[in-house]
Amino acid sequence: MAAHATTRESSVTAPTHTRTAPFIAADVGGTHVRMSLVAVDGEGATPQVLAYSKFRCSDYASLADIVREFIASLGRHPVSVAVIASAGYPLADGTVITNNLPWPLSPRELREDLGLQAVHVINDFEAVANAVGHLGSSEVLQLSGPAQAAPGPLLVLGPGTGLGAAVWIPRGKGGVVLATEAGQAALAVGTELEMRLLQHMLGERSHVPIEHALSGPGLLHLYQALCALRGTAPVHAQPGDITTAAIDGADPLACEALEMFCGLLGSTVGDMALLYGVQGVYLAGGILPQIRGFLASSSFRARFLNKGSMREALERVSVKLVEHGQLGVIGAASWYLGSGLLEQ
C-alpha cells in the first residue's frame, strides 16, 4: 500500500567521503519502521546517517514494501546490504519469533524479493545496547543513581508496542550484548492493588507477561482493569489518550493507571538490575520520552530501590532515560560494523 504524506517522516544529509559503502540500517517495531542509509568514515567512527525515514507499519502489506519505497527514495545511492533490528527473537535460520509485528519477517525472502546481497536481522534491543556508547549527555535524563555508571554490565530496556530488553557486557576494549525476551517473563507485582489487577488479568489468560502491563497496549490493559475493579466504564480507547488525560490531570483513573505503570516499571527494572548484576540502566522505547516529567515525579525510583537489603546496591546503579530518536538504527549499524560481516 502506498504511504500517505502524513505517515512518513524523512530527512537527507549530504554524504561525505566514507570508507564503507552505504548500507541500510532499520529499526522495525510493531507500530513504526525507521529506515536509514548509513555509512562510516573510518574505523571506530560513529555511524553517519545519510538519509532517514519513518513509516507506519499498518500502511504497508509487508516489510519488503517499506524497504522498496525507501530504496527508491535514495536515488543515486545504490545499496546491497540491509541490517534490520527487529522486535522479536531471531532464530538461527533467520526467521523471527515475534508477538508484535503485523507481518512475517524473513531475511531470505527480503533478500530475494529486493535483490539485495545480504540481509542481517538482530533483536531490536540488542541493537539499542550497541548504540549506548554513542549517546551524549544531552540525550539522557537522569532518574536515579550517579551520573556516571561504574564499570560493568549495562541494561537497556524499554516499553513500546511490546517490552524489549538487552544487556551490554564489557569484554576487552568493547563488549558483547545479551539479547533477551524479558518482556515475556511473568509479571511480578508489589502492592495489594496490583495483586488485584493481576488476579483480574489471570481471569482472562493463563500467563500474564511483563509486557501485558509495561507497553503501550499494556497501559491500556492496566487502565481497563482499573475501570473493571472500580465498576467504571472506560472512556479512553488508546494509550496516548490515557497519557494525555493523566498528564493534564483531567482523569483520575488515567492518572492512577499511568502512576501504576511507572511503579511497575520501577519494580521490574530493579528486579532486572539485580538479576543481571548491572551498574547502569538505559530506559528507551517509544512511550517513556512522552511521559518524562510524569515518570521523574512518579513512584518509579522508590519502587526501583524497594528491594530490601539490596537498596544500597541499587542506589549505586545509574538509571537514565534515553531520548535519542534514531538510537535503533545507529545500534543496528554499530552491530554490523563490529560483527566482521563487512569484511566477508
Protein backbone atom coordinates (compact mmCIF):
# COMPACT_ATOMS: atom_id res chain seq x y z
CA MET A 1 0.00 0.00 0.00
CA ALA A 2 1.38 3.39 -0.86
CA ALA A 3 2.00 5.71 2.07
CA HIS A 4 0.17 8.97 2.59
CA ALA A 5 2.35 12.01 3.13
CA THR A 6 1.38 12.18 6.79
CA THR A 7 2.53 8.64 7.62
CA ARG A 8 6.20 9.08 6.78
CA GLU A 9 8.90 11.39 8.09
CA SER A 10 12.08 11.84 6.06
CA SER A 11 15.39 13.65 6.16
CA VAL A 12 18.51 13.51 3.98
CA THR A 13 22.05 14.63 4.82
CA ALA A 14 24.64 15.33 2.16
CA PRO A 15 27.12 12.43 2.28
CA THR A 16 30.82 12.85 2.94
CA HIS A 17 33.62 10.62 1.68
CA THR A 18 33.40 7.32 3.54
CA ARG A 19 35.46 4.15 3.76
CA THR A 20 32.40 1.92 3.89
CA ALA A 21 29.81 1.53 1.16
CA PRO A 22 26.46 2.93 2.36
CA PHE A 23 24.08 0.29 3.69
CA ILE A 24 20.54 0.23 5.09
CA ALA A 25 20.07 0.12 8.87
CA ALA A 26 16.47 -0.33 10.01
CA ASP A 27 14.62 -0.41 13.32
CA VAL A 28 11.44 -2.48 12.90
CA GLY A 29 8.84 -2.21 15.66
CA GLY A 30 5.20 -3.15 15.95
CA THR A 31 3.98 0.38 15.16
CA HIS A 32 6.71 2.09 13.14
CA VAL A 33 9.65 1.17 10.93
CA ARG A 34 12.62 3.54 10.94
CA MET A 35 14.85 3.23 7.88
CA SER A 36 18.24 4.86 7.37
CA LEU A 37 21.08 4.94 4.87
CA VAL A 38 24.29 4.71 6.88
CA ALA A 39 28.00 4.97 6.20
CA VAL A 40 31.12 5.30 8.37
CA ASP A 41 34.18 7.44 7.72
CA GLY A 42 37.00 5.42 9.18
CA GLU A 43 37.39 2.61 11.70
CA GLY A 44 35.78 3.25 15.07
CA ALA A 45 33.86 6.31 13.90
CA THR A 46 30.23 6.91 14.77
CA PRO A 47 27.85 5.73 12.01
CA GLN A 48 26.68 8.67 9.90
CA VAL A 49 23.01 8.75 8.91
CA LEU A 50 22.84 9.97 5.30
CA ALA A 51 19.06 9.55 4.89
CA TYR A 52 16.29 8.73 7.35
CA SER A 53 12.56 7.96 7.06
CA LYS A 54 9.88 6.70 9.45
CA PHE A 55 6.97 4.57 8.19
CA ARG A 56 3.77 3.40 9.87
CA CYS A 57 3.52 -0.40 9.72
CA SER A 58 -0.24 -0.50 9.27
CA ASP A 59 0.03 1.36 5.95
CA TYR A 60 2.03 -1.43 4.27
CA ALA A 61 1.30 -5.03 3.38
CA SER A 62 4.88 -6.17 4.13
CA LEU A 63 8.29 -5.00 5.28
CA ALA A 64 9.53 -5.51 1.71
CA ASP A 65 7.15 -2.79 0.52
CA ILE A 66 8.64 -0.36 3.04
CA VAL A 67 12.25 -1.21 2.15
CA ARG A 68 11.46 -0.96 -1.56
CA GLU A 69 9.95 2.51 -1.14
CA PHE A 70 12.91 3.67 0.94
CA ILE A 71 15.44 2.38 -1.60
CA ALA A 72 13.55 4.16 -4.38
CA SER A 73 13.81 7.42 -2.43
CA LEU A 74 17.60 7.17 -2.27
CA GLY A 75 18.06 7.97 -5.93
CA ARG A 76 21.74 7.73 -6.82
CA HIS A 77 22.75 5.83 -3.67
CA PRO A 78 22.63 2.11 -4.56
CA VAL A 79 22.67 -0.35 -1.65
CA SER A 80 23.27 -4.08 -1.43
CA VAL A 81 23.11 -4.76 2.33
CA ALA A 82 20.35 -4.26 4.89
CA VAL A 83 20.74 -4.66 8.66
CA ILE A 84 17.43 -4.96 10.49
CA ALA A 85 16.89 -4.53 14.21
CA SER A 86 13.54 -6.19 14.85
CA ALA A 87 11.23 -6.69 17.78
CA GLY A 88 11.24 -10.43 18.44
CA TYR A 89 13.63 -13.34 18.74
CA PRO A 90 15.77 -14.10 15.65
CA LEU A 91 16.38 -17.85 15.14
CA ALA A 92 19.48 -19.42 13.61
CA ASP A 93 17.69 -19.95 10.28
CA GLY A 94 16.93 -16.24 10.06
CA THR A 95 13.22 -16.35 10.88
CA VAL A 96 11.90 -14.23 13.74
CA ILE A 97 9.53 -15.23 16.55
CA THR A 98 7.52 -12.14 17.41
CA ASN A 99 4.23 -11.19 19.01
CA ASN A 100 4.18 -7.60 17.86
CA LEU A 101 4.92 -7.31 14.13
CA PRO A 102 1.92 -7.04 11.76
CA TRP A 103 3.52 -9.28 9.11
CA PRO A 104 6.11 -12.11 8.90
CA LEU A 105 9.80 -11.21 8.71
CA SER A 106 12.06 -13.47 6.63
CA PRO A 107 15.59 -12.26 5.74
CA ARG A 108 15.82 -14.76 2.90
CA GLU A 109 12.58 -13.58 1.30
CA LEU A 110 13.58 -9.95 1.74
CA ARG A 111 16.95 -10.58 0.11
CA GLU A 112 15.43 -12.39 -2.85
CA ASP A 113 12.47 -10.04 -3.28
CA LEU A 114 14.59 -6.86 -3.20
CA GLY A 115 17.67 -8.20 -4.98
CA LEU A 116 19.99 -7.42 -2.07
CA GLN A 117 23.31 -9.13 -1.49
CA ALA A 118 22.70 -9.69 2.22
CA VAL A 119 20.04 -9.09 4.89
CA HIS A 120 21.00 -9.43 8.55
CA VAL A 121 18.50 -9.45 11.44
CA ILE A 122 19.18 -8.82 15.13
CA ASN A 123 16.96 -8.20 18.15
CA ASP A 124 15.90 -4.55 18.39
CA PHE A 125 17.15 -4.06 21.94
CA GLU A 126 20.38 -5.83 21.09
CA ALA A 127 20.79 -3.02 18.58
CA VAL A 128 19.93 -0.34 21.14
CA ALA A 129 22.51 -1.81 23.52
CA ASN A 130 25.12 -1.48 20.79
CA ALA A 131 24.26 2.21 20.45
CA VAL A 132 24.56 3.43 24.05
CA GLY A 133 28.23 4.26 23.57
CA HIS A 134 27.23 6.90 21.02
CA LEU A 135 24.95 8.82 23.39
CA GLY A 136 25.74 12.35 24.51
CA SER A 137 24.81 13.80 27.89
CA SER A 138 22.12 15.97 26.27
CA GLU A 139 20.29 12.86 25.08
CA VAL A 140 19.56 11.39 28.53
CA LEU A 141 17.54 12.28 31.63
CA GLN A 142 18.95 11.11 34.97
CA LEU A 143 16.32 9.23 37.02
CA SER A 144 18.37 7.58 39.78
CA GLY A 145 21.90 6.93 40.98
CA PRO A 146 25.18 8.54 39.93
CA ALA A 147 25.55 10.38 36.63
CA GLN A 148 28.43 8.09 35.66
CA ALA A 149 27.86 4.33 35.88
CA ALA A 150 30.64 2.24 37.41
CA PRO A 151 32.38 -0.22 35.06
CA GLY A 152 30.22 -3.27 34.48
CA PRO A 153 27.22 -4.59 32.59
CA LEU A 154 24.52 -2.19 31.35
CA LEU A 155 20.80 -2.93 30.99
CA VAL A 156 18.83 -1.37 28.14
CA LEU A 157 15.08 -1.71 28.48
CA GLY A 158 12.01 -0.02 27.11
CA PRO A 159 8.27 -0.26 26.57
CA GLY A 160 6.80 0.37 23.14
CA THR A 161 4.42 -1.90 21.27
CA GLY A 162 5.97 -4.60 23.47
CA LEU A 163 8.75 -4.59 26.08
CA GLY A 164 12.33 -5.09 24.92
CA ALA A 165 15.48 -5.64 26.98
CA ALA A 166 19.14 -6.40 26.38
CA VAL A 167 22.32 -6.43 28.47
CA TRP A 168 25.67 -5.00 27.36
CA ILE A 169 28.58 -6.87 28.97
CA PRO A 170 32.09 -5.36 28.82
CA ARG A 171 34.80 -7.51 27.25
CA GLY A 172 38.28 -6.26 26.41
CA LYS A 173 38.10 -2.89 24.68
CA GLY A 174 34.49 -3.45 23.66
CA GLY A 175 31.60 -5.56 24.79
CA VAL A 176 29.12 -8.26 23.94
CA VAL A 177 25.35 -7.98 24.03
CA LEU A 178 22.96 -10.49 25.57
CA ALA A 179 19.60 -10.22 23.82
CA THR A 180 16.64 -11.24 25.97
CA GLU A 181 12.90 -11.78 25.79
CA ALA A 182 12.40 -10.33 29.25
CA GLY A 183 9.05 -8.89 28.20
CA GLN A 184 7.64 -12.43 28.06
CA ALA A 185 8.64 -13.27 31.65
CA ALA A 186 5.81 -13.38 34.19
CA LEU A 187 4.65 -10.05 35.61
CA ALA A 188 5.52 -9.61 39.31
CA VAL A 189 3.52 -7.19 41.46
CA GLY A 190 4.21 -5.48 44.76
CA THR A 191 1.09 -3.81 46.12
CA GLU A 192 -2.35 -5.01 47.13
CA LEU A 193 -4.00 -3.15 44.24
CA GLU A 194 -1.52 -4.61 41.76
CA MET A 195 -2.28 -8.08 43.10
CA ARG A 196 -5.98 -7.49 42.48
CA LEU A 197 -5.25 -6.30 38.96
CA LEU A 198 -3.04 -9.32 38.27
CA GLN A 199 -5.78 -11.61 39.55
CA HIS A 200 -8.23 -9.88 37.19
CA MET A 201 -5.82 -10.38 34.26
CA LEU A 202 -5.29 -14.04 35.17
CA GLY A 203 -9.03 -14.48 34.80
CA GLU A 204 -8.57 -13.61 31.13
CA ARG A 205 -5.36 -15.54 30.34
CA SER A 206 -3.19 -18.21 31.94
CA HIS A 207 0.10 -16.29 31.57
CA VAL A 208 0.45 -12.55 32.17
CA PRO A 209 3.80 -11.44 30.74
CA ILE A 210 5.52 -8.24 31.83
CA GLU A 211 4.71 -6.53 28.54
CA HIS A 212 1.00 -7.15 29.10
CA ALA A 213 1.29 -4.26 31.58
CA LEU A 214 4.51 -2.48 30.53
CA SER A 215 3.95 -1.45 26.92
CA GLY A 216 1.61 0.82 25.00
CA PRO A 217 -1.11 -1.86 24.90
CA GLY A 218 -0.12 -2.73 28.47
CA LEU A 219 -1.01 0.76 29.71
CA LEU A 220 -4.42 0.29 28.14
CA HIS A 221 -4.74 -3.11 29.87
CA LEU A 222 -3.93 -1.50 33.24
CA TYR A 223 -6.47 1.25 32.67
CA GLN A 224 -9.19 -1.18 31.59
CA ALA A 225 -8.52 -3.46 34.58
CA LEU A 226 -8.67 -0.50 36.94
CA CYS A 227 -12.00 0.54 35.43
CA ALA A 228 -13.32 -3.00 35.91
CA LEU A 229 -12.26 -3.05 39.57
CA ARG A 230 -13.77 0.37 40.15
CA GLY A 231 -17.01 -0.53 38.34
CA THR A 232 -16.50 2.33 35.86
CA ALA A 233 -16.84 2.22 32.08
CA PRO A 234 -13.58 3.10 30.24
CA VAL A 235 -13.62 6.42 28.40
CA HIS A 236 -10.23 6.07 26.71
CA ALA A 237 -9.54 3.58 23.91
CA GLN A 238 -5.89 4.40 23.07
CA PRO A 239 -2.73 4.53 25.23
CA GLY A 240 -1.99 8.06 24.01
CA ASP A 241 -5.38 9.24 25.24
CA ILE A 242 -4.61 7.81 28.69
CA THR A 243 -1.21 9.52 28.95
CA THR A 244 -2.65 12.86 27.76
CA ALA A 245 -5.50 12.70 30.28
CA ALA A 246 -3.10 11.70 33.06
CA ILE A 247 -0.56 14.42 32.35
CA ASP A 248 -3.28 17.04 32.05
CA GLY A 249 -4.83 15.83 35.31
CA ALA A 250 -8.19 15.55 33.53
CA ASP A 251 -8.99 11.96 34.56
CA PRO A 252 -8.13 10.46 37.98
CA LEU A 253 -8.35 6.86 36.68
CA ALA A 254 -6.00 7.66 33.79
CA CYS A 255 -3.60 9.26 36.25
CA GLU A 256 -3.82 6.21 38.54
CA ALA A 257 -3.17 3.86 35.61
CA LEU A 258 -0.10 5.81 34.48
CA GLU A 259 1.21 6.02 38.04
CA MET A 260 0.80 2.25 38.36
CA PHE A 261 2.60 1.81 35.03
CA CYS A 262 5.56 3.84 36.34
CA GLY A 263 5.62 1.96 39.65
CA LEU A 264 5.56 -1.43 37.97
CA LEU A 265 8.30 -0.26 35.61
CA GLY A 266 10.50 0.79 38.53
CA SER A 267 9.97 -2.54 40.29
CA THR A 268 10.65 -4.52 37.11
CA VAL A 269 13.81 -2.55 36.30
CA GLY A 270 15.05 -3.09 39.85
CA ASP A 271 14.46 -6.83 39.52
CA MET A 272 16.35 -6.98 36.23
CA ALA A 273 19.21 -4.86 37.57
CA LEU A 274 19.69 -7.43 40.34
CA LEU A 275 19.20 -10.42 38.04
CA TYR A 276 21.88 -9.25 35.59
CA GLY A 277 24.19 -7.51 38.07
CA VAL A 278 24.25 -4.27 36.10
CA GLN A 279 25.89 -0.97 37.02
CA GLY A 280 23.80 1.19 34.72
CA VAL A 281 20.33 1.21 33.14
CA TYR A 282 19.21 2.98 29.97
CA LEU A 283 15.45 3.26 29.52
CA ALA A 284 14.36 3.59 25.91
CA GLY A 285 11.23 2.74 23.92
CA GLY A 286 8.53 4.82 22.30
CA ILE A 287 6.45 5.67 25.39
CA LEU A 288 8.82 6.98 28.05
CA PRO A 289 10.08 10.18 26.37
CA GLN A 290 6.43 11.24 26.05
CA ILE A 291 5.91 10.95 29.83
CA ARG A 292 9.38 12.01 31.01
CA GLY A 293 8.10 14.60 33.52
CA PHE A 294 5.43 12.30 34.92
CA LEU A 295 7.93 9.43 35.17
CA ALA A 296 10.51 11.54 37.02
CA SER A 297 7.96 12.59 39.68
CA SER A 298 6.26 9.17 39.95
CA SER A 299 6.97 6.23 42.26
CA PHE A 300 9.41 4.80 39.68
CA ARG A 301 12.55 5.47 41.72
CA ALA A 302 11.03 4.40 45.04
CA ARG A 303 9.89 1.10 43.53
CA PHE A 304 13.24 0.62 41.78
CA LEU A 305 15.04 0.89 45.12
CA ASN A 306 12.50 -1.12 47.15
CA LYS A 307 14.46 -4.38 47.17
CA GLY A 308 15.09 -4.91 50.88
CA SER A 309 18.76 -5.28 51.76
CA MET A 310 19.73 -4.63 48.15
CA ARG A 311 18.56 -0.99 48.28
CA GLU A 312 22.10 0.24 48.99
CA ALA A 313 23.43 -1.63 45.96
CA LEU A 314 20.72 -0.23 43.69
CA GLU A 315 21.37 3.33 44.92
CA ARG A 316 24.74 2.98 43.15
CA VAL A 317 23.16 1.99 39.82
CA SER A 318 22.86 4.82 37.31
CA VAL A 319 19.40 4.94 35.68
CA LYS A 320 18.86 7.18 32.67
CA LEU A 321 16.07 7.83 30.19
CA VAL A 322 17.34 7.81 26.60
CA GLU A 323 15.97 10.49 24.31
CA HIS A 324 17.61 9.58 21.00
CA GLY A 325 15.05 9.09 18.23
CA GLN A 326 17.43 7.24 15.91
CA LEU A 327 19.03 5.00 18.53
CA GLY A 328 17.76 1.77 16.96
CA VAL A 329 19.20 2.41 13.51
CA ILE A 330 22.51 3.64 14.97
CA GLY A 331 22.66 0.45 17.03
CA ALA A 332 21.91 -1.79 14.06
CA ALA A 333 24.69 -0.08 12.11
CA SER A 334 27.10 -0.35 15.06
CA TRP A 335 26.38 -4.06 15.42
CA TYR A 336 27.03 -4.65 11.73
CA LEU A 337 30.29 -2.67 11.73
CA GLY A 338 31.55 -4.66 14.72
CA SER A 339 30.35 -8.07 13.56
CA GLY A 340 33.06 -8.76 10.99
CA LEU A 341 30.41 -9.27 8.28
CA LEU A 342 31.59 -6.14 6.46
CA GLU A 343 34.86 -7.83 5.51
CA GLN A 344 33.20 -11.02 4.23
